């Protein structure tokens, strides 16, 4: 039986990866001028990475 892939979940993971890239870029750009904003961007990026990991684990268990 072939493994079924949830394309919607993969698209959401892809969007989260893109968001993570944007947030990390902002964190790098703001690191010296606004450390608080940089820290928040890093936290949000970490949350997005967690969501991608959850989606990947969900796909693997199917």
C-alpha atoms as a PDB file:
ATOM      1  CA  UNK A   1       0.000   0.000   0.000  1.00  0.00           C
ATOM      2  CA  UNK A   2       1.429   3.370  -1.021  1.00  0.00           C
ATOM      3  CA  UNK A   3       2.061   6.006   1.583  1.00  0.00           C
ATOM      4  CA  UNK A   4      -0.446   8.853   1.400  1.00  0.00           C
ATOM      5  CA  UNK A   5       1.015  12.356   1.536  1.00  0.00           C
ATOM      6  CA  UNK A   6      -1.025  15.238   2.896  1.00  0.00           C
ATOM      7  CA  UNK A   7      -0.141  17.964   0.397  1.00  0.00           C
ATOM      8  CA  UNK A   8      -1.883  20.633   2.461  1.00  0.00           C
ATOM      9  CA  UNK A   9       0.262  19.782   5.462  1.00  0.00           C
ATOM     10  CA  UNK A  10       3.407  19.871   3.327  1.00  0.00           C
ATOM     11  CA  UNK A  11       2.410  23.247   1.886  1.00  0.00           C
ATOM     12  CA  UNK A  12       1.906  24.538   5.426  1.00  0.00           C
ATOM     13  CA  UNK A  13       5.345  23.257   6.379  1.00  0.00           C
ATOM     14  CA  UNK A  14       6.829  24.961   3.309  1.00  0.00           C
ATOM     15  CA  UNK A  15       5.167  28.235   4.314  1.00  0.00           C
ATOM     16  CA  UNK A  16       6.586  27.850   7.823  1.00  0.00           C
ATOM     17  CA  UNK A  17      10.076  27.306   6.422  1.00  0.00           C
ATOM     18  CA  UNK A  18       9.734  30.490   4.355  1.00  0.00           C
ATOM     19  CA  UNK A  19       8.475  32.346   7.423  1.00  0.00           C
ATOM     20  CA  UNK A  20      11.409  31.020   9.435  1.00  0.00           C
ATOM     21  CA  UNK A  21      13.861  32.292   6.814  1.00  0.00           C
ATOM     22  CA  UNK A  22      12.243  35.728   6.906  1.00  0.00           C
ATOM     23  CA  UNK A  23      12.228  35.869  10.701  1.00  0.00           C
ATOM     24  CA  UNK A  24      15.865  34.814  10.957  1.00  0.00           C
ATOM     25  CA  UNK A  25      16.850  37.409   8.367  1.00  0.00           C
ATOM     26  CA  UNK A  26      15.048  40.054  10.427  1.00  0.00           C
ATOM     27  CA  UNK A  27      16.767  38.828  13.580  1.00  0.00           C
ATOM     28  CA  UNK A  28      20.171  39.156  11.919  1.00  0.00           C
ATOM     29  CA  UNK A  29      19.388  42.616  10.579  1.00  0.00           C
ATOM     30  CA  UNK A  30      18.016  43.847  13.918  1.00  0.00           C
ATOM     31  CA  UNK A  31      20.510  42.129  16.202  1.00  0.00           C
ATOM     32  CA  UNK A  32      22.571  45.243  16.873  1.00  0.00           C
ATOM     33  CA  UNK A  33      19.913  47.944  16.582  1.00  0.00           C
ATOM     34  CA  UNK A  34      16.984  46.213  18.314  1.00  0.00           C
ATOM     35  CA  UNK A  35      18.016  43.145  20.327  1.00  0.00           C
ATOM     36  CA  UNK A  36      14.512  42.692  21.755  1.00  0.00           C
ATOM     37  CA  UNK A  37      12.963  42.487  18.286  1.00  0.00           C
ATOM     38  CA  UNK A  38      15.748  40.125  17.210  1.00  0.00           C
ATOM     39  CA  UNK A  39      15.003  37.829  20.177  1.00  0.00           C
ATOM     40  CA  UNK A  40      11.293  37.823  19.354  1.00  0.00           C
ATOM     41  CA  UNK A  41      12.015  36.956  15.717  1.00  0.00           C
ATOM     42  CA  UNK A  42      14.172  34.051  16.895  1.00  0.00           C
ATOM     43  CA  UNK A  43      11.379  32.787  19.194  1.00  0.00           C
ATOM     44  CA  UNK A  44       8.864  32.940  16.348  1.00  0.00           C
ATOM     45  CA  UNK A  45      11.299  31.182  14.015  1.00  0.00           C
ATOM     46  CA  UNK A  46      11.737  28.413  16.595  1.00  0.00           C
ATOM     47  CA  UNK A  47       7.953  27.989  16.788  1.00  0.00           C
ATOM     48  CA  UNK A  48       7.746  27.732  13.011  1.00  0.00           C
ATOM     49  CA  UNK A  49      10.506  25.112  13.005  1.00  0.00           C
ATOM     50  CA  UNK A  50       8.594  23.121  15.634  1.00  0.00           C
ATOM     51  CA  UNK A  51       5.511  23.166  13.428  1.00  0.00           C
ATOM     52  CA  UNK A  52       7.548  21.912  10.469  1.00  0.00           C
ATOM     53  CA  UNK A  53       8.980  19.110  12.618  1.00  0.00           C
ATOM     54  CA  UNK A  54       5.496  18.117  13.751  1.00  0.00           C
ATOM     55  CA  UNK A  55       4.265  18.018  10.173  1.00  0.00           C
ATOM     56  CA  UNK A  56       7.242  15.910   9.114  1.00  0.00           C
ATOM     57  CA  UNK A  57       6.717  13.458  11.968  1.00  0.00           C
ATOM     58  CA  UNK A  58       3.031  13.242  11.114  1.00  0.00           C
ATOM     59  CA  UNK A  59       3.872  12.416   7.497  1.00  0.00           C
ATOM     60  CA  UNK A  60       6.367   9.746   8.558  1.00  0.00           C
ATOM     61  CA  UNK A  61       3.862   8.012  10.814  1.00  0.00           C
ATOM     62  CA  UNK A  62       1.290   7.640   8.017  1.00  0.00           C
END
